[in-house]
Amino acid sequence: MPLPDGGPGLPLGVLPGTRYTAAETSLRIGDIVLMYSDGLTERRDSDPDLDTRRFVEAAESALRSSDPGADREGLHAYAENLVARLDGPHRADDATLLALRRVEPPGGARRH
């Protein structure tokens, strides 16, 4: 997904009262959106940009190694695979990952 004008900005909730740039994108059937807390990606004394790059690489690698399929269990297995790639003895913070996937509406009827 392309960055919004002005760059990615601060993570949500970092500074109260801060204005955030919004971006909009369309999701295709099967697209997966990952939302995560910094505890999953950041390491002490590390560059946040490198940590984010490591997350993206782990997400792509997990996708290549475990096809999430179209069902809930497949998406859950993908998320577990991704967390396992990022988690380890160096994690010193709580971690959250929310994985969402756009699915075909019941009956295959698309809303416009």
PDB file of N, CA and C in Angstrom:
ATOM      1  N   MET A   1       0.852  -1.164   0.000  1.00  0.00           N
ATOM      2  CA  MET A   1       0.000   0.000   0.000  1.00  0.00           C
ATOM      3  C   MET A   1       0.904   1.236   0.000  1.00  0.00           C
ATOM      4  N   PRO A   2       0.659   2.174  -0.850  1.00  0.00           N
ATOM      5  CA  PRO A   2       1.510   3.371  -0.889  1.00  0.00           C
ATOM      6  C   PRO A   2       1.317   4.213   0.374  1.00  0.00           C
ATOM      7  N   LEU A   3       2.379   4.942   0.742  1.00  0.00           N
ATOM      8  CA  LEU A   3       2.304   5.818   1.904  1.00  0.00           C
ATOM      9  C   LEU A   3       1.433   7.025   1.591  1.00  0.00           C
ATOM     10  N   PRO A   4       0.754   7.588   2.589  1.00  0.00           N
ATOM     11  CA  PRO A   4      -0.022   8.807   2.357  1.00  0.00           C
ATOM     12  C   PRO A   4       0.909   9.992   2.118  1.00  0.00           C
ATOM     13  N   ASP A   5       0.363  11.068   1.569  1.00  0.00           N
ATOM     14  CA  ASP A   5       1.157  12.279   1.374  1.00  0.00           C
ATOM     15  C   ASP A   5       1.754  12.693   2.711  1.00  0.00           C
ATOM     16  N   GLY A   6       3.021  13.051   2.713  1.00  0.00           N
ATOM     17  CA  GLY A   6       3.674  13.460   3.949  1.00  0.00           C
ATOM     18  C   GLY A   6       4.332  12.320   4.693  1.00  0.00           C
ATOM     19  N   GLY A   7       4.275  11.100   4.154  1.00  0.00           N
ATOM     20  CA  GLY A   7       4.926   9.962   4.788  1.00  0.00           C
ATOM     21  C   GLY A   7       4.028   9.259   5.780  1.00  0.00           C
ATOM     22  N   PRO A   8       4.569   8.238   6.424  1.00  0.00           N
ATOM     23  CA  PRO A   8       3.741   7.436   7.315  1.00  0.00           C
ATOM     24  C   PRO A   8       3.370   8.145   8.603  1.00  0.00           C
ATOM     25  N   GLY A   9       4.151   9.112   9.046  1.00  0.00           N
ATOM     26  CA  GLY A   9       3.837   9.827  10.274  1.00  0.00           C
ATOM     27  C   GLY A   9       4.066   8.968  11.503  1.00  0.00           C
ATOM     28  N   LEU A  10       3.553   9.441  12.626  1.00  0.00           N
ATOM     29  CA  LEU A  10       3.714   8.741  13.901  1.00  0.00           C
ATOM     30  C   LEU A  10       2.729   7.583  14.013  1.00  0.00           C
ATOM     31  N   PRO A  11       3.079   6.568  14.803  1.00  0.00           N
ATOM     32  CA  PRO A  11       2.111   5.506  15.069  1.00  0.00           C
ATOM     33  C   PRO A  11       0.900   6.087  15.807  1.00  0.00           C
ATOM     34  N   LEU A  12      -0.260   5.500  15.590  1.00  0.00           N
ATOM     35  CA  LEU A  12      -1.474   5.972  16.247  1.00  0.00           C
ATOM     36  C   LEU A  12      -1.322   5.940  17.758  1.00  0.00           C
ATOM     37  N   GLY A  13      -1.799   6.994  18.413  1.00  0.00           N
ATOM     38  CA  GLY A  13      -1.825   7.043  19.861  1.00  0.00           C
ATOM     39  C   GLY A  13      -0.541   7.464  20.532  1.00  0.00           C
ATOM     40  N   VAL A  14       0.505   7.792  19.777  1.00  0.00           N
ATOM     41  CA  VAL A  14       1.783   8.151  20.393  1.00  0.00           C
ATOM     42  C   VAL A  14       1.682   9.498  21.104  1.00  0.00           C
ATOM     43  N   LEU A  15       1.141  10.488  20.442  1.00  0.00           N
ATOM     44  CA  LEU A  15       1.006  11.813  21.038  1.00  0.00           C
ATOM     45  C   LEU A  15      -0.446  12.256  20.971  1.00  0.00           C
ATOM     46  N   PRO A  16      -1.089  12.434  22.120  1.00  0.00           N
ATOM     47  CA  PRO A  16      -2.484  12.903  22.113  1.00  0.00           C
ATOM     48  C   PRO A  16      -2.602  14.244  21.390  1.00  0.00           C
ATOM     49  N   GLY A  17      -3.681  14.414  20.661  1.00  0.00           N
ATOM     50  CA  GLY A  17      -3.925  15.667  19.953  1.00  0.00           C
ATOM     51  C   GLY A  17      -3.167  15.813  18.648  1.00  0.00           C
ATOM     52  N   THR A  18      -2.407  14.817  18.265  1.00  0.00           N
ATOM     53  CA  THR A  18      -1.640  14.871  17.018  1.00  0.00           C
ATOM     54  C   THR A  18      -2.560  14.608  15.833  1.00  0.00           C
ATOM     55  N   ARG A  19      -2.369  15.361  14.754  1.00  0.00           N
ATOM     56  CA  ARG A  19      -3.131  15.128  13.532  1.00  0.00           C
ATOM     57  C   ARG A  19      -2.456  14.027  12.737  1.00  0.00           C
ATOM     58  N   TYR A  20      -3.262  13.170  12.162  1.00  0.00           N
ATOM     59  CA  TYR A  20      -2.750  12.064  11.371  1.00  0.00           C
ATOM     60  C   TYR A  20      -3.246  12.188   9.942  1.00  0.00           C
ATOM     61  N   THR A  21      -2.421  11.748   9.017  1.00  0.00           N
ATOM     62  CA  THR A  21      -2.796  11.744   7.618  1.00  0.00           C
ATOM     63  C   THR A  21      -3.526  10.440   7.324  1.00  0.00           C
ATOM     64  N   ALA A  22      -4.646  10.539   6.677  1.00  0.00           N
ATOM     65  CA  ALA A  22      -5.427   9.355   6.318  1.00  0.00           C
ATOM     66  C   ALA A  22      -5.144   8.974   4.870  1.00  0.00           C
ATOM     67  N   ALA A  23      -5.219   7.700   4.612  1.00  0.00           N
ATOM     68  CA  ALA A  23      -5.086   7.181   3.252  1.00  0.00           C
ATOM     69  C   ALA A  23      -6.201   6.178   3.039  1.00  0.00           C
ATOM     70  N   GLU A  24      -6.605   6.026   1.815  1.00  0.00           N
ATOM     71  CA  GLU A  24      -7.684   5.094   1.484  1.00  0.00           C
ATOM     72  C   GLU A  24      -7.208   4.192   0.360  1.00  0.00           C
ATOM     73  N   THR A  25      -7.554   2.931   0.470  1.00  0.00           N
ATOM     74  CA  THR A  25      -7.197   1.983  -0.579  1.00  0.00           C
ATOM     75  C   THR A  25      -8.298   0.942  -0.683  1.00  0.00           C
ATOM     76  N   SER A  26      -8.459   0.379  -1.841  1.00  0.00           N
ATOM     77  CA  SER A  26      -9.440  -0.688  -2.026  1.00  0.00           C
ATOM     78  C   SER A  26      -8.763  -2.027  -1.775  1.00  0.00           C
ATOM     79  N   LEU A  27      -9.499  -2.920  -1.147  1.00  0.00           N
ATOM     80  CA  LEU A  27      -8.990  -4.262  -0.913  1.00  0.00           C
ATOM     81  C   LEU A  27      -9.682  -5.223  -1.858  1.00  0.00           C
ATOM     82  N   ARG A  28      -8.901  -6.119  -2.427  1.00  0.00           N
ATOM     83  CA  ARG A  28      -9.460  -7.158  -3.288  1.00  0.00           C
ATOM     84  C   ARG A  28      -9.818  -8.359  -2.422  1.00  0.00           C
ATOM     85  N   ILE A  29     -10.685  -9.208  -2.935  1.00  0.00           N
ATOM     86  CA  ILE A  29     -11.026 -10.439  -2.240  1.00  0.00           C
ATOM     87  C   ILE A  29      -9.730 -11.214  -1.981  1.00  0.00           C
ATOM     88  N   GLY A  30      -9.515 -11.624  -0.740  1.00  0.00           N
ATOM     89  CA  GLY A  30      -8.324 -12.368  -0.370  1.00  0.00           C
ATOM     90  C   GLY A  30      -7.204 -11.519   0.206  1.00  0.00           C
ATOM     91  N   ASP A  31      -7.251 -10.188   0.018  1.00  0.00           N
ATOM     92  CA  ASP A  31      -6.209  -9.333   0.586  1.00  0.00           C
ATOM     93  C   ASP A  31      -6.212  -9.442   2.103  1.00  0.00           C
ATOM     94  N   ILE A  32      -5.020  -9.403   2.688  1.00  0.00           N
ATOM     95  CA  ILE A  32      -4.853  -9.493   4.136  1.00  0.00           C
ATOM     96  C   ILE A  32      -4.286  -8.169   4.639  1.00  0.00           C
ATOM     97  N   VAL A  33      -4.867  -7.670   5.723  1.00  0.00           N
ATOM     98  CA  VAL A  33      -4.388  -6.463   6.386  1.00  0.00           C
ATOM     99  C   VAL A  33      -3.846  -6.888   7.741  1.00  0.00           C
ATOM    100  N   LEU A  34      -2.629  -6.442   8.057  1.00  0.00           N
ATOM    101  CA  LEU A  34      -2.009  -6.760   9.334  1.00  0.00           C
ATOM    102  C   LEU A  34      -1.862  -5.479  10.145  1.00  0.00           C
ATOM    103  N   MET A  35      -2.378  -5.494  11.363  1.00  0.00           N
ATOM    104  CA  MET A  35      -2.202  -4.385  12.298  1.00  0.00           C
ATOM    105  C   MET A  35      -1.474  -4.954  13.504  1.00  0.00           C
ATOM    106  N   TYR A  36      -0.475  -4.238  13.974  1.00  0.00           N
ATOM    107  CA  TYR A  36       0.364  -4.801  15.024  1.00  0.00           C
ATOM    108  C   TYR A  36       0.853  -3.709  15.960  1.00  0.00           C
ATOM    109  N   SER A  37       1.216  -4.118  17.171  1.00  0.00           N
ATOM    110  CA  SER A  37       1.805  -3.181  18.126  1.00  0.00           C
ATOM    111  C   SER A  37       3.322  -3.195  17.971  1.00  0.00           C
ATOM    112  N   ASP A  38       3.943  -2.148  18.478  1.00  0.00           N
ATOM    113  CA  ASP A  38       5.397  -2.039  18.341  1.00  0.00           C
ATOM    114  C   ASP A  38       6.140  -3.144  19.090  1.00  0.00           C
ATOM    115  N   GLY A  39       5.491  -3.768  20.074  1.00  0.00           N
ATOM    116  CA  GLY A  39       6.140  -4.844  20.805  1.00  0.00           C
ATOM    117  C   GLY A  39       6.444  -6.054  19.943  1.00  0.00           C
ATOM    118  N   LEU A  40       5.741  -6.188  18.832  1.00  0.00           N
ATOM    119  CA  LEU A  40       5.994  -7.300  17.927  1.00  0.00           C
ATOM    120  C   LEU A  40       7.201  -7.040  17.036  1.00  0.00           C
ATOM    121  N   THR A  41       7.488  -5.781  16.795  1.00  0.00           N
ATOM    122  CA  THR A  41       8.523  -5.451  15.818  1.00  0.00           C
ATOM    123  C   THR A  41       9.779  -4.831  16.413  1.00  0.00           C
ATOM    124  N   GLU A  42       9.626  -3.914  17.338  1.00  0.00           N
ATOM    125  CA  GLU A  42      10.779  -3.144  17.814  1.00  0.00           C
ATOM    126  C   GLU A  42      11.636  -3.932  18.790  1.00  0.00           C
ATOM    127  N   ARG A  43      12.924  -3.687  18.691  1.00  0.00           N
ATOM    128  CA  ARG A  43      13.906  -4.255  19.610  1.00  0.00           C
ATOM    129  C   ARG A  43      14.683  -3.093  20.215  1.00  0.00           C
ATOM    130  N   ARG A  44      15.040  -3.223  21.459  1.00  0.00           N
ATOM    131  CA  ARG A  44      15.812  -2.158  22.123  1.00  0.00           C
ATOM    132  C   ARG A  44      17.119  -1.920  21.356  1.00  0.00           C
ATOM    133  N   ASP A  45      17.508  -0.655  21.298  1.00  0.00           N
ATOM    134  CA  ASP A  45      18.749  -0.251  20.619  1.00  0.00           C
ATOM    135  C   ASP A  45      18.770  -0.664  19.152  1.00  0.00           C
ATOM    136  N   SER A  46      17.611  -0.644  18.514  1.00  0.00           N
ATOM    137  CA  SER A  46      17.527  -0.992  17.100  1.00  0.00           C
ATOM    138  C   SER A  46      16.871   0.163  16.355  1.00  0.00           C
ATOM    139  N   ASP A  47      17.057   0.193  15.055  1.00  0.00           N
ATOM    140  CA  ASP A  47      16.469   1.213  14.194  1.00  0.00           C
ATOM    141  C   ASP A  47      15.033   0.826  13.874  1.00  0.00           C
ATOM    142  N   PRO A  48      14.034   1.678  14.207  1.00  0.00           N
ATOM    143  CA  PRO A  48      12.637   1.341  13.940  1.00  0.00           C
ATOM    144  C   PRO A  48      12.355   1.041  12.463  1.00  0.00           C
ATOM    145  N   ASP A  49      13.053   1.722  11.553  1.00  0.00           N
ATOM    146  CA  ASP A  49      12.852   1.437  10.130  1.00  0.00           C
ATOM    147  C   ASP A  49      13.318   0.026   9.789  1.00  0.00           C
ATOM    148  N   LEU A  50      14.438  -0.389  10.365  1.00  0.00           N
ATOM    149  CA  LEU A  50      14.916  -1.754  10.139  1.00  0.00           C
ATOM    150  C   LEU A  50      13.971  -2.773  10.772  1.00  0.00           C
ATOM    151  N   ASP A  51      13.424  -2.438  11.937  1.00  0.00           N
ATOM    152  CA  ASP A  51      12.461  -3.326  12.594  1.00  0.00           C
ATOM    153  C   ASP A  51      11.216  -3.503  11.727  1.00  0.00           C
ATOM    154  N   THR A  52      10.740  -2.409  11.141  1.00  0.00           N
ATOM    155  CA  THR A  52       9.568  -2.486  10.267  1.00  0.00           C
ATOM    156  C   THR A  52       9.880  -3.294   9.018  1.00  0.00           C
ATOM    157  N   ARG A  53      11.050  -3.095   8.457  1.00  0.00           N
ATOM    158  CA  ARG A  53      11.462  -3.871   7.282  1.00  0.00           C
ATOM    159  C   ARG A  53      11.531  -5.365   7.615  1.00  0.00           C
ATOM    160  N   ARG A  54      12.032  -5.680   8.821  1.00  0.00           N
ATOM    161  CA  ARG A  54      12.103  -7.068   9.265  1.00  0.00           C
ATOM    162  C   ARG A  54      10.697  -7.660   9.374  1.00  0.00           C
ATOM    163  N   PHE A  55       9.739  -6.865   9.849  1.00  0.00           N
ATOM    164  CA  PHE A  55       8.351  -7.316   9.936  1.00  0.00           C
ATOM    165  C   PHE A  55       7.789  -7.621   8.547  1.00  0.00           C
ATOM    166  N   VAL A  56       7.996  -6.716   7.605  1.00  0.00           N
ATOM    167  CA  VAL A  56       7.484  -6.906   6.246  1.00  0.00           C
ATOM    168  C   VAL A  56       8.107  -8.150   5.616  1.00  0.00           C
ATOM    169  N   GLU A  57       9.403  -8.321   5.784  1.00  0.00           N
ATOM    170  CA  GLU A  57      10.067  -9.506   5.234  1.00  0.00           C
ATOM    171  C   GLU A  57       9.539 -10.786   5.874  1.00  0.00           C
ATOM    172  N   ALA A  58       9.298 -10.755   7.187  1.00  0.00           N
ATOM    173  CA  ALA A  58       8.754 -11.933   7.874  1.00  0.00           C
ATOM    174  C   ALA A  58       7.335 -12.221   7.394  1.00  0.00           C
ATOM    175  N   ALA A  59       6.532 -11.173   7.173  1.00  0.00           N
ATOM    176  CA  ALA A  59       5.155 -11.359   6.684  1.00  0.00           C
ATOM    177  C   ALA A  59       5.161 -11.981   5.292  1.00  0.00           C
ATOM    178  N   GLU A  60       6.057 -11.517   4.430  1.00  0.00           N
ATOM    179  CA  GLU A  60       6.147 -12.072   3.073  1.00  0.00           C
ATOM    180  C   GLU A  60       6.650 -13.509   3.102  1.00  0.00           C
ATOM    181  N   SER A  61       7.634 -13.776   3.940  1.00  0.00           N
ATOM    182  CA  SER A  61       8.186 -15.122   4.053  1.00  0.00           C
ATOM    183  C   SER A  61       7.149 -16.094   4.612  1.00  0.00           C
ATOM    184  N   ALA A  62       6.400 -15.676   5.620  1.00  0.00           N
ATOM    185  CA  ALA A  62       5.346 -16.521   6.192  1.00  0.00           C
ATOM    186  C   ALA A  62       4.270 -16.801   5.150  1.00  0.00           C
ATOM    187  N   LEU A  63       3.968 -15.831   4.311  1.00  0.00           N
ATOM    188  CA  LEU A  63       2.959 -16.013   3.264  1.00  0.00           C
ATOM    189  C   LEU A  63       3.437 -17.029   2.226  1.00  0.00           C
ATOM    190  N   ARG A  64       4.721 -16.966   1.878  1.00  0.00           N
ATOM    191  CA  ARG A  64       5.267 -17.923   0.910  1.00  0.00           C
ATOM    192  C   ARG A  64       5.306 -19.344   1.475  1.00  0.00           C
ATOM    193  N   SER A  65       5.580 -19.472   2.774  1.00  0.00           N
ATOM    194  CA  SER A  65       5.756 -20.805   3.350  1.00  0.00           C
ATOM    195  C   SER A  65       4.465 -21.447   3.839  1.00  0.00           C
ATOM    196  N   SER A  66       3.423 -20.648   4.064  1.00  0.00           N
ATOM    197  CA  SER A  66       2.162 -21.226   4.545  1.00  0.00           C
ATOM    198  C   SER A  66       1.000 -20.470   3.922  1.00  0.00           C
ATOM    199  N   ASP A  67       0.483 -21.007   2.838  1.00  0.00           N
ATOM    200  CA  ASP A  67      -0.651 -20.393   2.149  1.00  0.00           C
ATOM    201  C   ASP A  67      -1.820 -20.312   3.121  1.00  0.00           C
ATOM    202  N   PRO A  68      -2.323 -19.091   3.398  1.00  0.00           N
ATOM    203  CA  PRO A  68      -3.397 -18.964   4.378  1.00  0.00           C
ATOM    204  C   PRO A  68      -4.751 -19.492   3.905  1.00  0.00           C
ATOM    205  N   GLY A  69      -4.845 -19.920   2.649  1.00  0.00           N
ATOM    206  CA  GLY A  69      -6.121 -20.445   2.174  1.00  0.00           C
ATOM    207  C   GLY A  69      -7.240 -19.426   2.324  1.00  0.00           C
ATOM    208  N   ALA A  70      -8.472 -19.889   2.204  1.00  0.00           N
ATOM    209  CA  ALA A  70      -9.613 -18.974   2.240  1.00  0.00           C
ATOM    210  C   ALA A  70     -10.392 -19.042   3.542  1.00  0.00           C
ATOM    211  N   ASP A  71     -10.014 -19.944   4.436  1.00  0.00           N
ATOM    212  CA  ASP A  71     -10.808 -20.101   5.652  1.00  0.00           C
ATOM    213  C   ASP A  71     -10.145 -19.420   6.859  1.00  0.00           C
ATOM    214  N   ARG A  72     -10.890 -19.316   7.927  1.00  0.00           N
ATOM    215  CA  ARG A  72     -10.426 -18.663   9.149  1.00  0.00           C
ATOM    216  C   ARG A  72      -9.200 -19.374   9.733  1.00  0.00           C
ATOM    217  N   GLU A  73      -9.221 -20.705   9.707  1.00  0.00           N
ATOM    218  CA  GLU A  73      -8.112 -21.468  10.262  1.00  0.00           C
ATOM    219  C   GLU A  73      -6.809 -21.206   9.511  1.00  0.00           C
ATOM    220  N   GLY A  74      -6.907 -21.041   8.192  1.00  0.00           N
ATOM    221  CA  GLY A  74      -5.715 -20.739   7.396  1.00  0.00           C
ATOM    222  C   GLY A  74      -5.132 -19.380   7.738  1.00  0.00           C
ATOM    223  N   LEU A  75      -5.996 -18.384   7.940  1.00  0.00           N
ATOM    224  CA  LEU A  75      -5.525 -17.054   8.318  1.00  0.00           C
ATOM    225  C   LEU A  75      -4.890 -17.098   9.706  1.00  0.00           C
ATOM    226  N   HIS A  76      -5.500 -17.851  10.616  1.00  0.00           N
ATOM    227  CA  HIS A  76      -4.950 -17.992  11.961  1.00  0.00           C
ATOM    228  C   HIS A  76      -3.568 -18.660  11.908  1.00  0.00           C
ATOM    229  N   ALA A  77      -3.432 -19.711  11.109  1.00  0.00           N
ATOM    230  CA  ALA A  77      -2.145 -20.405  10.978  1.00  0.00           C
ATOM    231  C   ALA A  77      -1.088 -19.461  10.402  1.00  0.00           C
ATOM    232  N   TYR A  78      -1.469 -18.636   9.429  1.00  0.00           N
ATOM    233  CA  TYR A  78      -0.546 -17.655   8.864  1.00  0.00           C
ATOM    234  C   TYR A  78      -0.081 -16.677   9.941  1.00  0.00           C
ATOM    235  N   ALA A  79      -1.022 -16.152  10.736  1.00  0.00           N
ATOM    236  CA  ALA A  79      -0.677 -15.204  11.791  1.00  0.00           C
ATOM    237  C   ALA A  79       0.250 -15.856  12.816  1.00  0.00           C
ATOM    238  N   GLU A  80      -0.032 -17.095  13.178  1.00  0.00           N
ATOM    239  CA  GLU A  80       0.827 -17.818  14.124  1.00  0.00           C
ATOM    240  C   GLU A  80       2.236 -18.002  13.547  1.00  0.00           C
ATOM    241  N   ASN A  81       2.319 -18.332  12.273  1.00  0.00           N
ATOM    242  CA  ASN A  81       3.604 -18.496  11.594  1.00  0.00           C
ATOM    243  C   ASN A  81       4.383 -17.180  11.628  1.00  0.00           C
ATOM    244  N   LEU A  82       3.703 -16.082  11.349  1.00  0.00           N
ATOM    245  CA  LEU A  82       4.350 -14.773  11.342  1.00  0.00           C
ATOM    246  C   LEU A  82       4.867 -14.423  12.735  1.00  0.00           C
ATOM    247  N   VAL A  83       4.047 -14.610  13.748  1.00  0.00           N
ATOM    248  CA  VAL A  83       4.470 -14.287  15.115  1.00  0.00           C
ATOM    249  C   VAL A  83       5.673 -15.149  15.513  1.00  0.00           C
ATOM    250  N   ALA A  84       5.652 -16.417  15.149  1.00  0.00           N
ATOM    251  CA  ALA A  84       6.774 -17.303  15.479  1.00  0.00           C
ATOM    252  C   ALA A  84       8.072 -16.815  14.841  1.00  0.00           C
ATOM    253  N   ARG A  85       7.994 -16.219  13.654  1.00  0.00           N
ATOM    254  CA  ARG A  85       9.185 -15.708  12.979  1.00  0.00           C
ATOM    255  C   ARG A  85       9.736 -14.458  13.674  1.00  0.00           C
ATOM    256  N   LEU A  86       8.864 -13.717  14.347  1.00  0.00           N
ATOM    257  CA  LEU A  86       9.274 -12.460  14.970  1.00  0.00           C
ATOM    258  C   LEU A  86       9.535 -12.594  16.464  1.00  0.00           C
ATOM    259  N   ASP A  87       8.903 -13.544  17.098  1.00  0.00           N
ATOM    260  CA  ASP A  87       8.996 -13.702  18.538  1.00  0.00           C
ATOM    261  C   ASP A  87      10.276 -14.439  18.884  1.00  0.00           C
ATOM    262  N   GLY A  88      10.767 -14.187  20.052  1.00  0.00           N
ATOM    263  CA  GLY A  88      11.966 -14.890  20.484  1.00  0.00           C
ATOM    264  C   GLY A  88      12.435 -14.395  21.827  1.00  0.00           C
ATOM    265  N   PRO A  89      13.605 -14.804  22.215  1.00  0.00           N
ATOM    266  CA  PRO A  89      14.096 -14.471  23.550  1.00  0.00           C
ATOM    267  C   PRO A  89      14.410 -12.990  23.749  1.00  0.00           C
ATOM    268  N   HIS A  90      14.472 -12.215  22.683  1.00  0.00           N
ATOM    269  CA  HIS A  90      14.827 -10.801  22.809  1.00  0.00           C
ATOM    270  C   HIS A  90      13.620  -9.892  22.968  1.00  0.00           C
ATOM    271  N   ARG A  91      12.416 -10.453  22.891  1.00  0.00           N
ATOM    272  CA  ARG A  91      11.219  -9.616  23.034  1.00  0.00           C
ATOM    273  C   ARG A  91      11.075  -9.207  24.479  1.00  0.00           C
ATOM    274  N   ALA A  92      10.953  -7.902  24.724  1.00  0.00           N
ATOM    275  CA  ALA A  92      10.847  -7.384  26.083  1.00  0.00           C
ATOM    276  C   ALA A  92       9.560  -6.581  26.269  1.00  0.00           C
ATOM    277  N   ASP A  93       8.624  -6.706  25.359  1.00  0.00           N
ATOM    278  CA  ASP A  93       7.393  -5.906  25.396  1.00  0.00           C
ATOM    279  C   ASP A  93       6.238  -6.814  25.004  1.00  0.00           C
ATOM    280  N   ASP A  94       5.022  -6.388  25.370  1.00  0.00           N
ATOM    281  CA  ASP A  94       3.856  -7.143  24.913  1.00  0.00           C
ATOM    282  C   ASP A  94       3.719  -6.972  23.410  1.00  0.00           C
ATOM    283  N   ALA A  95       3.085  -7.928  22.779  1.00  0.00           N
ATOM    284  CA  ALA A  95       2.963  -7.906  21.316  1.00  0.00           C
ATOM    285  C   ALA A  95       1.535  -8.231  20.917  1.00  0.00           C
ATOM    286  N   THR A  96       1.044  -7.516  19.910  1.00  0.00           N
ATOM    287  CA  THR A  96      -0.302  -7.728  19.399  1.00  0.00           C
ATOM    288  C   THR A  96      -0.257  -7.788  17.882  1.00  0.00           C
ATOM    289  N   LEU A  97      -0.980  -8.739  17.315  1.00  0.00           N
ATOM    290  CA  LEU A  97      -1.137  -8.830  15.867  1.00  0.00           C
ATOM    291  C   LEU A  97      -2.604  -9.081  15.575  1.00  0.00           C
ATOM    292  N   LEU A  98      -3.176  -8.268  14.713  1.00  0.00           N
ATOM    293  CA  LEU A  98      -4.547  -8.449  14.249  1.00  0.00           C
ATOM    294  C   LEU A  98      -4.479  -8.664  12.744  1.00  0.00           C
ATOM    295  N   ALA A  99      -4.957  -9.804  12.283  1.00  0.00           N
ATOM    296  CA  ALA A  99      -4.951 -10.126  10.858  1.00  0.00           C
ATOM    297  C   ALA A  99      -6.389 -10.133  10.354  1.00  0.00           C
ATOM    298  N   LEU A 100      -6.655  -9.353   9.334  1.00  0.00           N
ATOM    299  CA  LEU A 100      -7.983  -9.263   8.716  1.00  0.00           C
ATOM    300  C   LEU A 100      -7.858  -9.629   7.249  1.00  0.00           C
ATOM    301  N   ARG A 101      -8.887 -10.286   6.719  1.00  0.00           N
ATOM    302  CA  ARG A 101      -8.872 -10.628   5.300  1.00  0.00           C
ATOM    303  C   ARG A 101     -10.224 -10.269   4.697  1.00  0.00           C
ATOM    304  N   ARG A 102     -10.177  -9.669   3.523  1.00  0.00           N
ATOM    305  CA  ARG A 102     -11.421  -9.392   2.801  1.00  0.00           C
ATOM    306  C   ARG A 102     -11.881 -10.695   2.165  1.00  0.00           C
ATOM    307  N   VAL A 103     -13.139 -11.023   2.410  1.00  0.00           N
ATOM    308  CA  VAL A 103     -13.699 -12.250   1.875  1.00  0.00           C
ATOM    309  C   VAL A 103     -14.851 -11.939   0.936  1.00  0.00           C
ATOM    310  N   GLU A 104     -15.199 -12.924   0.168  1.00  0.00           N
ATOM    311  CA  GLU A 104     -16.351 -12.809  -0.743  1.00  0.00           C
ATOM    312  C   GLU A 104     -17.613 -12.771   0.099  1.00  0.00           C
ATOM    313  N   PRO A 105     -18.509 -11.813  -0.127  1.00  0.00           N
ATOM    314  CA  PRO A 105     -19.766 -11.800   0.624  1.00  0.00           C
ATOM    315  C   PRO A 105     -20.563 -13.073   0.389  1.00  0.00           C
ATOM    316  N   PRO A 106     -21.393 -13.468   1.354  1.00  0.00           N
ATOM    317  CA  PRO A 106     -22.222 -14.676   1.159  1.00  0.00           C
ATOM    318  C   PRO A 106     -23.012 -14.585  -0.147  1.00  0.00           C
ATOM    319  N   GLY A 107     -23.029 -15.652  -0.864  1.00  0.00           N
ATOM    320  CA  GLY A 107     -23.743 -15.686  -2.146  1.00  0.00           C
ATOM    321  C   GLY A 107     -22.945 -15.081  -3.288  1.00  0.00           C
ATOM    322  N   GLY A 108     -21.763 -14.566  -3.012  1.00  0.00           N
ATOM    323  CA  GLY A 108     -20.910 -14.024  -4.059  1.00  0.00           C
ATOM    324  C   GLY A 108     -21.318 -12.653  -4.557  1.00  0.00           C
ATOM    325  N   ALA A 109     -22.343 -12.036  -3.959  1.00  0.00           N
ATOM    326  CA  ALA A 109     -22.794 -10.718  -4.414  1.00  0.00           C
ATOM    327  C   ALA A 109     -21.870  -9.649  -3.852  1.00  0.00           C
ATOM    328  N   ARG A 110     -21.320  -8.845  -4.734  1.00  0.00           N
ATOM    329  CA  ARG A 110     -20.443  -7.753  -4.293  1.00  0.00           C
ATOM    330  C   ARG A 110     -21.245  -6.487  -4.090  1.00  0.00           C
ATOM    331  N   ARG A 111     -20.876  -5.769  -3.029  1.00  0.00           N
ATOM    332  CA  ARG A 111     -21.505  -4.483  -2.781  1.00  0.00           C
ATOM    333  C   ARG A 111     -20.659  -3.383  -3.414  1.00  0.00           C
ATOM    334  N   HIS A 112     -21.319  -2.370  -3.893  1.00  0.00           N
ATOM    335  CA  HIS A 112     -20.587  -1.245  -4.509  1.00  0.00           C
ATOM    336  C   HIS A 112     -20.797   0.003  -3.702  1.00  0.00           C
TER     337      HIS A 112
END
